[in-house]
Protein backbone atom coordinates (compact mmCIF):
# COMPACT_ATOMS: atom_id res chain seq x y z
CA MET A 1 71.17 -196.30 -36.83
CA ALA A 2 73.19 -194.98 -33.92
CA GLY A 3 75.23 -196.99 -31.48
CA ALA A 4 77.06 -200.27 -31.80
CA PRO A 5 77.04 -203.58 -29.98
CA ALA A 6 79.41 -203.91 -27.08
CA SER A 7 82.20 -206.47 -27.23
CA ALA A 8 80.97 -210.02 -27.40
CA GLN A 9 81.60 -212.35 -24.49
CA LYS A 10 84.46 -214.10 -26.25
CA SER A 11 86.84 -213.31 -23.39
CA GLN A 12 84.49 -215.18 -21.05
CA ASP A 13 83.87 -217.92 -23.65
CA THR A 14 80.12 -217.27 -23.35
CA LEU A 15 77.88 -216.86 -26.40
CA ARG A 16 74.49 -215.19 -25.88
CA ILE A 17 71.78 -215.91 -28.46
CA GLY A 18 68.42 -214.12 -28.74
CA VAL A 19 65.53 -216.56 -29.34
CA SER A 20 62.28 -215.24 -30.84
CA ASP A 21 60.18 -218.43 -30.68
CA TRP A 22 60.81 -219.65 -27.14
CA PHE A 23 60.45 -223.29 -26.12
CA SER A 24 59.63 -224.46 -22.59
CA VAL A 25 60.95 -227.98 -23.17
CA LEU A 26 64.17 -229.09 -24.88
CA ASP A 27 63.16 -232.44 -26.30
CA PRO A 28 63.51 -233.30 -30.02
CA ILE A 29 60.97 -236.13 -29.76
CA TRP A 30 58.06 -234.50 -27.96
CA PHE A 31 58.73 -230.93 -29.13
CA PRO A 32 60.65 -230.86 -32.46
CA LEU A 33 60.57 -227.06 -32.83
CA ASP A 34 62.63 -225.01 -35.29
CA GLU A 35 64.28 -222.59 -32.84
CA ALA A 36 64.92 -225.37 -30.33
CA GLY A 37 66.54 -227.53 -33.01
CA GLN A 38 69.79 -225.57 -33.04
CA PHE A 39 70.22 -226.55 -29.37
CA THR A 40 68.66 -230.04 -29.19
CA ARG A 41 71.07 -231.47 -31.74
CA THR A 42 74.03 -230.32 -29.60
CA VAL A 43 72.55 -231.99 -26.49
CA TYR A 44 70.92 -235.22 -27.75
CA GLU A 45 72.35 -237.88 -30.06
CA THR A 46 71.24 -240.73 -32.28
CA LEU A 47 72.78 -244.13 -33.04
CA ILE A 48 73.93 -243.01 -36.47
CA ALA A 49 74.05 -239.80 -38.50
CA TYR A 50 73.87 -238.96 -42.19
CA ASP A 51 76.85 -237.05 -43.56
CA GLU A 52 75.31 -234.70 -46.11
CA ARG A 53 78.69 -233.84 -47.61
CA GLN A 54 79.79 -237.40 -48.21
CA ASN A 55 76.25 -238.76 -48.73
CA LYS A 56 76.66 -241.69 -46.38
CA PHE A 57 75.63 -242.87 -42.92
CA VAL A 58 78.30 -242.59 -40.22
CA PRO A 59 78.60 -243.86 -36.63
CA ARG A 60 77.54 -241.92 -33.54
CA LEU A 61 76.38 -243.86 -30.48
CA ALA A 62 76.55 -247.00 -32.59
CA LYS A 63 80.04 -247.79 -33.87
CA SER A 64 78.90 -250.21 -36.59
CA TRP A 65 75.82 -251.94 -37.98
CA THR A 66 74.78 -254.84 -40.17
CA ARG A 67 71.62 -255.15 -42.25
CA VAL A 68 70.66 -258.75 -41.58
CA ASP A 69 67.72 -258.67 -44.01
CA PRO A 70 65.44 -255.97 -45.47
CA ARG A 71 63.59 -255.65 -42.13
CA THR A 72 66.38 -256.27 -39.63
CA ILE A 73 69.42 -254.19 -38.60
CA ASP A 74 71.91 -255.09 -35.85
CA PHE A 75 73.87 -252.33 -34.11
CA ASP A 76 77.11 -252.59 -32.13
CA LEU A 77 77.16 -249.73 -29.61
CA ARG A 78 80.01 -247.72 -28.16
CA ASP A 79 81.12 -248.73 -24.68
CA ASP A 80 82.81 -245.42 -23.75
CA VAL A 81 79.79 -243.09 -23.54
CA VAL A 82 78.28 -241.49 -20.44
CA PHE A 83 75.20 -239.31 -20.06
CA HIS A 84 75.54 -235.76 -18.78
CA ASN A 85 74.50 -236.87 -15.28
CA GLY A 86 77.22 -239.54 -15.21
CA ASN A 87 75.05 -242.58 -15.96
CA LYS A 88 76.72 -245.11 -18.26
CA PHE A 89 75.23 -245.54 -21.73
CA ASP A 90 74.52 -249.09 -22.90
CA ALA A 91 72.04 -251.24 -24.81
CA ASP A 92 69.41 -250.87 -22.09
CA ASP A 93 69.06 -247.16 -22.89
CA VAL A 94 68.43 -247.79 -26.58
CA VAL A 95 66.00 -250.66 -26.01
CA TYR A 96 64.12 -248.65 -23.38
CA THR A 97 63.91 -245.52 -25.56
CA PHE A 98 62.72 -247.35 -28.67
CA ASN A 99 60.18 -249.47 -26.78
CA TYR A 100 58.81 -246.35 -25.13
CA LEU A 101 58.38 -244.66 -28.52
CA ILE A 102 56.61 -247.62 -30.15
CA ASP A 103 54.33 -248.28 -27.15
CA PRO A 104 50.76 -247.85 -28.53
CA ASN A 105 49.73 -246.34 -25.20
CA VAL A 106 52.20 -243.49 -25.67
CA ARG A 107 50.44 -240.96 -27.87
CA MET A 108 52.43 -238.20 -29.50
CA ARG A 109 52.10 -235.86 -32.45
CA PHE A 110 54.63 -237.57 -34.74
CA LYS A 111 54.04 -241.19 -33.82
CA GLU A 112 54.66 -242.35 -37.41
CA ARG A 113 58.33 -241.48 -36.97
CA TYR A 114 58.64 -244.34 -34.49
CA ASP A 115 55.85 -246.91 -34.83
CA TRP A 116 57.38 -248.42 -37.98
CA MET A 117 59.47 -250.55 -35.62
CA GLU A 118 58.01 -253.94 -34.77
CA SER A 119 60.51 -254.85 -32.07
CA VAL A 120 63.81 -253.89 -30.44
CA GLU A 121 65.92 -256.61 -28.86
CA LYS A 122 69.00 -256.52 -26.64
CA LEU A 123 71.61 -258.95 -28.00
CA GLY A 124 74.30 -258.06 -25.48
CA PRO A 125 75.47 -255.22 -23.18
CA TYR A 126 76.40 -253.17 -26.24
CA LYS A 127 74.47 -254.79 -29.07
CA ILE A 128 70.85 -254.40 -30.18
CA ARG A 129 68.58 -255.54 -33.03
CA VAL A 130 65.89 -253.37 -34.65
CA VAL A 131 63.15 -255.09 -36.67
CA SER A 132 60.72 -253.06 -38.77
CA LYS A 133 57.12 -254.04 -39.48
CA LYS A 134 57.91 -254.11 -43.18
CA ALA A 135 60.84 -253.38 -45.45
CA PHE A 136 61.02 -249.70 -46.39
CA ALA A 137 63.58 -247.28 -47.73
CA THR A 138 63.92 -244.67 -45.00
CA ASP A 139 64.48 -246.77 -41.87
CA MET A 140 68.12 -245.63 -41.64
CA GLN A 141 67.11 -242.02 -42.22
CA LEU A 142 64.61 -242.20 -39.38
CA LEU A 143 67.24 -243.70 -37.10
CA ALA A 144 69.66 -240.94 -38.05
CA TYR A 145 67.34 -237.96 -37.76
CA ARG A 146 64.44 -238.87 -35.46
CA LEU A 147 65.46 -241.45 -32.86
CA TYR A 148 67.33 -239.62 -30.11
CA ILE A 149 68.35 -241.64 -27.07
CA TYR A 150 67.05 -240.98 -23.56
CA ASP A 151 68.84 -241.85 -20.32
CA SER A 152 66.62 -244.79 -19.34
CA LYS A 153 67.27 -244.50 -15.61
CA THR A 154 66.21 -240.86 -15.52
CA HIS A 155 63.33 -241.18 -17.98
CA ARG A 156 61.84 -244.27 -16.34
CA ALA A 157 61.60 -242.47 -13.00
CA LEU A 158 59.48 -239.61 -14.38
CA GLU A 159 55.74 -239.67 -13.80
CA LYS A 160 55.14 -237.36 -16.78
CA LYS A 161 57.54 -238.55 -19.46
CA GLU A 162 57.03 -235.46 -21.61
CA ASP A 163 58.73 -233.44 -18.85
CA TYR A 164 62.09 -235.07 -19.62
CA GLY A 165 63.26 -232.00 -21.51
CA ARG A 166 62.41 -229.50 -18.77
CA GLY A 167 65.08 -228.11 -16.49
CA ALA A 168 68.23 -230.09 -17.26
CA PRO A 169 67.66 -233.14 -19.49
CA SER A 170 70.43 -235.74 -19.52
CA ALA A 171 71.76 -236.86 -22.90
CA THR A 172 75.12 -237.65 -24.53
CA GLY A 173 75.93 -234.69 -26.82
CA PRO A 174 78.88 -232.26 -26.68
CA TYR A 175 76.80 -229.72 -24.72
CA LYS A 176 74.94 -230.35 -21.47
CA VAL A 177 72.01 -228.31 -20.19
CA VAL A 178 72.77 -226.51 -16.92
CA SER A 179 69.36 -224.85 -16.50
CA MET A 180 66.33 -223.71 -18.44
CA ASP A 181 63.38 -221.46 -17.62
CA ALA A 182 61.21 -218.92 -19.42
CA ASN A 183 62.76 -215.91 -17.67
CA ARG A 184 66.51 -216.58 -17.67
CA GLY A 185 66.52 -218.79 -20.74
CA LEU A 186 68.57 -221.87 -21.59
CA VAL A 187 72.12 -222.29 -20.28
CA MET A 188 74.34 -224.95 -21.87
CA GLU A 189 77.96 -225.81 -21.15
CA ARG A 190 80.60 -227.86 -22.92
CA PHE A 191 80.47 -231.49 -21.76
CA ASP A 192 84.09 -232.36 -21.02
CA ARG A 193 83.40 -236.09 -20.87
CA TYR A 194 82.05 -236.16 -24.44
CA TYR A 195 83.28 -239.37 -26.03
CA ASP A 196 84.18 -238.01 -29.48
CA LYS A 197 87.70 -236.60 -29.29
CA SER A 198 88.09 -236.20 -33.07
CA GLY A 199 87.73 -233.25 -35.41
CA ASN A 200 86.86 -229.93 -33.79
CA TYR A 201 86.41 -231.36 -30.31
CA PRO A 202 85.91 -229.89 -27.80
CA ALA A 203 82.74 -227.93 -28.52
CA PRO A 204 83.92 -224.51 -29.77
CA VAL A 205 82.16 -222.42 -27.12
CA LYS A 206 82.36 -223.19 -23.40
CA ARG A 207 78.99 -221.69 -22.42
CA VAL A 208 75.93 -220.86 -24.56
CA ILE A 209 72.99 -218.88 -23.23
CA ALA A 210 69.74 -218.72 -25.21
CA ILE A 211 67.61 -215.77 -24.08
CA PRO A 212 63.85 -215.48 -24.81
CA MET A 213 63.18 -212.37 -26.94
CA PRO A 214 59.86 -212.64 -28.80
CA ASP A 215 59.73 -208.95 -29.74
CA PRO A 216 61.90 -207.98 -32.75
CA GLN A 217 62.50 -204.49 -31.42
CA THR A 218 63.77 -205.92 -28.14
CA GLN A 219 66.14 -208.18 -30.07
CA ILE A 220 67.53 -205.23 -32.02
CA ALA A 221 67.93 -203.10 -28.88
CA GLN A 222 69.66 -205.92 -27.00
CA PHE A 223 72.05 -206.56 -29.86
CA MET A 224 72.91 -202.87 -30.25
CA THR A 225 73.59 -202.45 -26.54
CA GLY A 226 75.63 -205.64 -26.16
CA GLY A 227 72.98 -207.76 -24.44
CA VAL A 228 73.30 -210.56 -27.01
CA ASP A 229 75.96 -211.61 -29.50
CA LEU A 230 73.79 -213.42 -32.02
CA LEU A 231 70.29 -213.23 -33.52
CA ARG A 232 68.72 -215.83 -35.81
CA ASN A 233 66.09 -215.47 -38.56
CA VAL A 234 66.21 -211.70 -38.61
CA PRO A 235 63.78 -210.01 -41.08
CA ALA A 236 65.47 -208.66 -44.20
CA ASP A 237 64.86 -204.96 -43.42
CA ALA A 238 66.09 -205.27 -39.83
CA ALA A 239 69.17 -207.20 -40.96
CA ARG A 240 70.08 -204.47 -43.44
CA GLU A 241 69.84 -201.82 -40.71
CA LEU A 242 71.78 -203.82 -38.14
CA ALA A 243 74.54 -204.48 -40.68
CA LYS A 244 75.40 -200.76 -40.56
CA ALA A 245 76.66 -201.04 -36.98
CA PRO A 246 80.51 -201.05 -36.77
CA ASN A 247 80.90 -204.42 -35.03
CA ALA A 248 77.95 -206.16 -36.66
CA GLN A 249 77.92 -208.73 -39.44
CA VAL A 250 75.06 -210.40 -41.33
CA THR A 251 75.47 -213.96 -42.56
CA ALA A 252 72.93 -215.93 -44.59
CA THR A 253 73.30 -219.70 -44.64
CA HIS A 254 71.67 -222.60 -46.42
CA ALA A 255 69.40 -224.64 -44.18
CA GLY A 256 67.52 -227.00 -46.48
CA MET A 257 64.36 -224.96 -45.85
CA LEU A 258 61.83 -225.54 -48.62
CA LEU A 259 59.62 -222.50 -49.24
CA TYR A 260 56.62 -223.68 -51.23
CA LEU A 261 53.22 -222.69 -52.60
CA THR A 262 50.40 -225.26 -52.86
CA LEU A 263 47.26 -225.04 -55.02
CA ASP A 264 44.02 -226.88 -54.20
CA SER A 265 43.39 -228.92 -57.36
CA LEU A 266 40.56 -230.85 -55.65
CA GLY A 267 38.55 -227.80 -54.64
CA ARG A 268 38.53 -228.95 -51.01
CA SER A 269 38.47 -225.34 -49.85
CA GLY A 270 35.16 -224.64 -51.60
CA ASN A 271 36.86 -222.37 -54.14
CA LYS A 272 36.81 -224.44 -57.33
CA SER A 273 39.06 -222.14 -59.37
CA MET A 274 42.17 -224.29 -58.88
CA THR A 275 40.47 -227.42 -60.19
CA ASP A 276 41.16 -226.06 -63.70
CA PRO A 277 44.82 -226.78 -64.61
CA ARG A 278 44.89 -223.62 -66.75
CA VAL A 279 44.18 -221.51 -63.67
CA ARG A 280 46.92 -223.28 -61.71
CA GLN A 281 49.36 -222.71 -64.55
CA ALA A 282 48.35 -219.04 -64.76
CA PHE A 283 48.86 -218.69 -61.01
CA ILE A 284 52.40 -220.03 -61.28
CA LYS A 285 53.23 -218.04 -64.42
CA ALA A 286 52.31 -214.86 -62.50
CA ILE A 287 55.06 -215.39 -59.91
CA ASP A 288 58.52 -213.95 -60.52
CA ARG A 289 60.68 -216.14 -58.28
CA PRO A 290 64.07 -214.41 -58.91
CA THR A 291 62.56 -211.06 -57.94
CA LEU A 292 61.19 -212.56 -54.72
CA ALA A 293 64.68 -213.77 -53.85
CA LYS A 294 66.21 -210.35 -54.51
CA THR A 295 63.63 -208.22 -52.76
CA VAL A 296 61.74 -209.94 -49.93
CA ILE A 297 63.26 -213.29 -49.03
CA PRO A 298 65.70 -212.79 -46.14
CA GLY A 299 69.14 -213.89 -47.27
CA GLY A 300 67.83 -214.25 -50.81
CA GLU A 301 71.28 -213.54 -52.25
CA VAL A 302 72.32 -217.10 -51.32
CA ALA A 303 68.93 -218.75 -51.90
CA GLU A 304 68.89 -221.72 -54.24
CA THR A 305 66.29 -221.64 -57.02
CA MET A 306 64.29 -224.82 -56.69
CA ASN A 307 62.98 -226.87 -59.61
CA GLY A 308 60.92 -229.24 -57.49
CA ILE A 309 59.90 -230.11 -53.95
CA CYS A 310 63.35 -231.53 -53.12
CA PHE A 311 66.89 -230.20 -53.07
CA PRO A 312 69.36 -231.91 -55.45
CA SER A 313 71.31 -233.11 -52.39
CA ASN A 314 68.26 -234.90 -50.92
CA VAL A 315 68.39 -238.68 -51.20
CA GLY A 316 66.27 -239.85 -54.15
CA CYS A 317 65.88 -236.39 -55.73
CA SER A 318 65.86 -236.49 -59.54
CA LEU A 319 64.12 -233.92 -61.76
CA GLY A 320 63.73 -233.73 -65.50
CA SER A 321 61.54 -230.61 -65.55
CA SER A 322 61.10 -227.13 -64.10
CA PRO A 323 58.05 -225.22 -62.88
CA TYR A 324 56.21 -223.02 -65.39
CA ALA A 325 58.32 -219.92 -66.01
CA TYR A 326 57.34 -216.35 -65.14
CA ASP A 327 55.09 -215.15 -67.96
CA PRO A 328 52.42 -212.61 -66.90
CA ALA A 329 51.09 -212.21 -70.44
CA GLY A 330 50.74 -215.97 -70.75
CA ALA A 331 49.03 -216.06 -67.35
CA LYS A 332 46.38 -213.61 -68.55
CA ARG A 333 45.78 -215.66 -71.70
CA LEU A 334 45.28 -218.84 -69.67
CA LEU A 335 42.82 -217.10 -67.34
CA ALA A 336 40.84 -215.89 -70.35
CA GLU A 337 40.81 -219.42 -71.80
CA ALA A 338 39.51 -220.68 -68.46
CA GLY A 339 36.59 -218.20 -68.62
CA LEU A 340 38.14 -215.72 -66.17
CA PRO A 341 39.21 -212.79 -68.37
CA ASP A 342 38.63 -210.36 -65.49
CA GLY A 343 40.48 -212.53 -62.97
CA PHE A 344 38.97 -213.64 -59.68
CA ASP A 345 39.10 -213.15 -55.91
CA MET A 346 40.65 -215.69 -53.53
CA GLU A 347 42.44 -216.16 -50.21
CA LEU A 348 46.16 -216.88 -49.95
CA THR A 349 47.08 -218.46 -46.62
CA THR A 350 50.58 -217.85 -45.31
CA TYR A 351 52.50 -218.91 -42.25
CA THR A 352 52.76 -215.75 -40.08
CA PRO A 353 56.59 -215.45 -39.95
CA ILE A 354 56.72 -215.27 -43.77
CA ARG A 355 53.82 -212.85 -44.19
CA GLU A 356 55.98 -210.38 -46.15
CA ILE A 357 56.70 -213.05 -48.75
CA GLY A 358 52.99 -213.78 -49.06
CA GLU A 359 52.25 -210.10 -49.55
CA ALA A 360 54.85 -209.87 -52.32
CA VAL A 361 53.37 -212.92 -54.08
CA ALA A 362 49.89 -211.38 -53.78
CA GLY A 363 51.19 -208.23 -55.44
CA GLN A 364 52.50 -210.22 -58.40
CA LEU A 365 49.21 -212.10 -58.69
CA ARG A 366 47.18 -208.90 -58.77
CA ALA A 367 49.17 -207.81 -61.82
CA VAL A 368 47.48 -210.59 -63.84
CA GLY A 369 44.02 -210.23 -62.28
CA ILE A 370 44.20 -212.77 -59.44
CA ARG A 371 43.07 -210.71 -56.46
CA ALA A 372 44.54 -212.62 -53.52
CA SER A 373 43.85 -211.49 -49.97
CA ILE A 374 46.50 -212.54 -47.45
CA GLN A 375 45.49 -214.70 -44.49
CA PRO A 376 48.54 -215.02 -42.17
CA VAL A 377 48.17 -217.67 -39.45
CA PRO A 378 50.47 -219.06 -36.71
CA LEU A 379 51.75 -222.62 -36.96
CA ASN A 380 49.10 -224.21 -34.72
CA VAL A 381 46.30 -222.59 -36.73
CA TRP A 382 48.08 -223.44 -39.99
CA ALA A 383 48.00 -227.16 -39.20
CA ARG A 384 44.30 -227.06 -38.29
CA VAL A 385 43.21 -225.02 -41.31
CA ARG A 386 45.20 -227.27 -43.65
CA ALA A 387 43.66 -230.40 -42.11
CA GLU A 388 40.18 -228.94 -42.53
CA GLY A 389 40.82 -228.48 -46.27
CA LYS A 390 40.37 -224.71 -46.21
CA MET A 391 43.46 -223.64 -48.14
CA THR A 392 42.79 -222.61 -51.76
CA ALA A 393 46.41 -221.53 -52.08
CA ALA A 394 49.01 -221.54 -49.32
CA ILE A 395 52.64 -220.54 -48.80
CA GLY A 396 54.50 -222.58 -46.21
CA ILE A 397 57.95 -223.79 -45.22
CA TYR A 398 59.27 -227.29 -44.60
CA PRO A 399 62.70 -228.16 -43.13
CA THR A 400 63.95 -230.86 -45.47
CA SER A 401 67.15 -231.08 -43.41
CA GLY A 402 65.11 -232.78 -40.67
CA GLN A 403 65.20 -235.88 -42.89
CA PRO A 404 66.71 -235.11 -46.32
CA ASP A 405 65.01 -237.83 -48.33
CA VAL A 406 62.44 -237.54 -51.12
CA GLY A 407 60.34 -240.19 -49.42
CA ASN A 408 59.96 -237.80 -46.49
CA MET A 409 58.81 -234.96 -48.74
CA MET A 410 56.39 -237.21 -50.62
CA ASP A 411 54.89 -238.35 -47.31
CA PHE A 412 54.60 -234.76 -46.13
CA PHE A 413 52.65 -233.50 -49.14
CA PHE A 414 50.77 -236.59 -50.32
CA THR A 415 49.52 -238.26 -47.15
CA GLY A 416 46.24 -237.80 -45.27
CA ASP A 417 44.74 -234.36 -44.77
CA ARG A 418 47.85 -232.64 -46.18
CA ASP A 419 47.07 -234.02 -49.66
CA TYR A 420 45.20 -231.41 -51.75
CA TRP A 421 45.65 -233.39 -55.02
CA ARG A 422 45.11 -237.14 -54.41
CA ASP A 423 46.72 -237.98 -57.71
CA PRO A 424 46.66 -241.80 -58.17
CA ALA A 425 49.84 -241.77 -60.26
CA ILE A 426 51.78 -239.91 -57.57
CA ILE A 427 50.41 -242.08 -54.76
CA GLU A 428 51.45 -245.23 -56.62
CA ILE A 429 54.97 -243.89 -57.11
CA LYS A 430 55.19 -242.73 -53.49
CA ASP A 431 54.29 -246.20 -52.24
CA LYS A 432 56.68 -247.91 -54.65
CA GLY A 433 59.61 -245.68 -53.70
CA ALA A 434 58.96 -246.21 -50.00
CA VAL A 435 59.92 -249.91 -50.17
CA GLU A 436 62.88 -249.72 -52.57
CA LEU A 437 66.23 -249.84 -50.73
CA ASP A 438 68.51 -249.11 -53.69
CA GLU A 439 69.13 -245.35 -53.89
CA GLN A 440 69.64 -245.18 -57.66
CA LYS A 441 66.47 -247.15 -58.29
CA ARG A 442 64.58 -244.81 -55.96
CA ARG A 443 65.75 -241.80 -57.96
CA ALA A 444 64.35 -243.38 -61.12
CA ILE A 445 61.10 -244.25 -59.34
CA TYR A 446 60.49 -240.77 -57.91
CA LYS A 447 61.44 -238.78 -61.03
CA PRO A 448 58.06 -239.14 -62.86
CA ALA A 449 56.17 -238.07 -59.73
CA LEU A 450 58.36 -235.01 -59.17
CA ASP A 451 57.97 -234.03 -62.82
CA ARG A 452 54.20 -234.58 -62.67
CA ILE A 453 53.95 -232.13 -59.77
CA ASN A 454 55.47 -229.46 -62.04
CA GLU A 455 53.43 -230.49 -65.09
CA GLN A 456 50.11 -230.40 -63.20
CA ALA A 457 51.04 -227.18 -61.33
CA TYR A 458 50.24 -228.71 -57.94
CA ILE A 459 53.10 -227.19 -55.94
CA LEU A 460 55.45 -224.34 -56.80
CA PRO A 461 58.84 -224.41 -55.06
CA LEU A 462 59.77 -220.82 -54.28
CA PRO A 463 63.42 -219.87 -53.72
CA GLU A 464 65.02 -221.60 -50.74
CA LEU A 465 64.53 -219.80 -47.41
CA PRO A 466 67.99 -219.29 -45.87
CA ILE A 467 68.68 -218.58 -42.22
CA VAL A 468 69.76 -214.98 -41.64
CA TRP A 469 72.07 -214.40 -38.69
CA VAL A 470 73.11 -211.05 -37.25
CA HIS A 471 76.19 -211.39 -35.07
CA THR A 472 79.23 -209.63 -33.72
CA LYS A 473 82.33 -209.92 -35.85
CA ASP A 474 84.12 -212.32 -33.54
CA VAL A 475 81.34 -214.90 -33.97
CA GLN A 476 81.66 -217.40 -36.82
CA ILE A 477 78.54 -218.89 -38.44
CA LYS A 478 78.85 -222.30 -40.11
CA ASP A 479 77.11 -223.05 -43.37
CA SER A 480 74.96 -226.10 -44.15
CA PRO A 481 74.75 -228.90 -45.09
CA LEU A 482 76.99 -230.01 -42.27
CA SER A 483 78.80 -233.18 -41.39
CA PRO A 484 77.36 -234.88 -38.28
CA LEU A 485 80.23 -233.81 -36.01
CA GLU A 486 79.93 -230.15 -36.99
CA THR A 487 76.14 -230.27 -36.63
CA ARG A 488 76.41 -231.51 -33.07
CA LEU A 489 78.91 -228.83 -32.20
CA GLY A 490 76.42 -226.09 -33.11
CA ASP A 491 75.93 -223.56 -35.89
CA TRP A 492 78.30 -221.11 -34.21
CA ALA A 493 81.89 -220.78 -33.00
CA TRP A 494 84.42 -218.08 -32.18
CA LYS A 495 86.68 -216.79 -34.93
């Protein structure tokens, strides 16, 4: 590959990032999108955060809190915070935001993240009370990861509330949005009135520009000619080529991204093959997970091998088993026992951005007689097809870092139209764990369910899916999991 990227904009303290999956609105509540997430968490803030290194909740907009009873939490708020537009932050903003989110007339895609609250009460200028409808284990997690605070004065004045994140939304984070549009991209600048003066403050880059670049070839060309300093989620082959450039560097980081394969044990899809546990076991025994990590998973050299649907660092994660090991000969024997000595034909649905991984899995399956045809679909189609029960086998991704708690993962897989197993034992455990507040007790509760998923071959955790960054050598990429302060300062900095 000829050429090399021009010098990064370090001298101008401006970092330019190519964005493949563009977002028209920067709002973590209405539009919680993956690519947008690296920017929303530097702009918006929550009352509290969860420090994944120290495994504890820490203050953000709230400086302290008291659990009054299993359903009630009081928060004392900071009195030194201003929004990016200069409005003063106080209890009115929190009460307004939470009441807006729980309003039954406000319909949104992820309403369950908010409607667990029964009431929100102002106890003073900088004190509020949150009361849940019932006692449950993940109320603090939801407050830490899902409940971002709007500027009530600005939000209240909008006719279309979902437009809050267009243009220049006002929040309280270390970066403020200067402008945003589909042609010129997103421009953020360091917010010099940010209240947190500790740690690495101020934000490590003065100006960040996110530029829409949906075409991979355009991204590569722009990087090589100095048009951008940083690319995210670069395919493995492209990353290897770009790494040859003199001033380029490739960094893979952990992101808590669960890469998983589900099997339809109920036969909802119409293909009844997976209703036989021997076929499900054969399917899993046909998959060589270490080889996938080495050959097709971008950043696979740092990928963690998963033994269940949660990472060991996730709250409540406890495993006493592993998935069925790679054993192609054993897979063939199981298929023969199930009356399928010649194998069978089926569809394997994959999320479009990970199509190459799906193709590699299909190749391994064919070696034992399972002739899987790949059906790659975009995210909006994925959600519809899954809800309609049409997935015999599917490979998807789930960002556990969005709420790193086993209860979240159990809800994701075993609730509503996402549940392709409807196992009474797992449902009972899921419901029991959801109301237990003691973390150690929750680990003991969830362990039999997590082990049963492996035993029954319902879900196979593939190697973790890291984030692969290509960047100039004067850009530093931070690894995850991150402390709350580092997270809000962005994934990037200057060296």
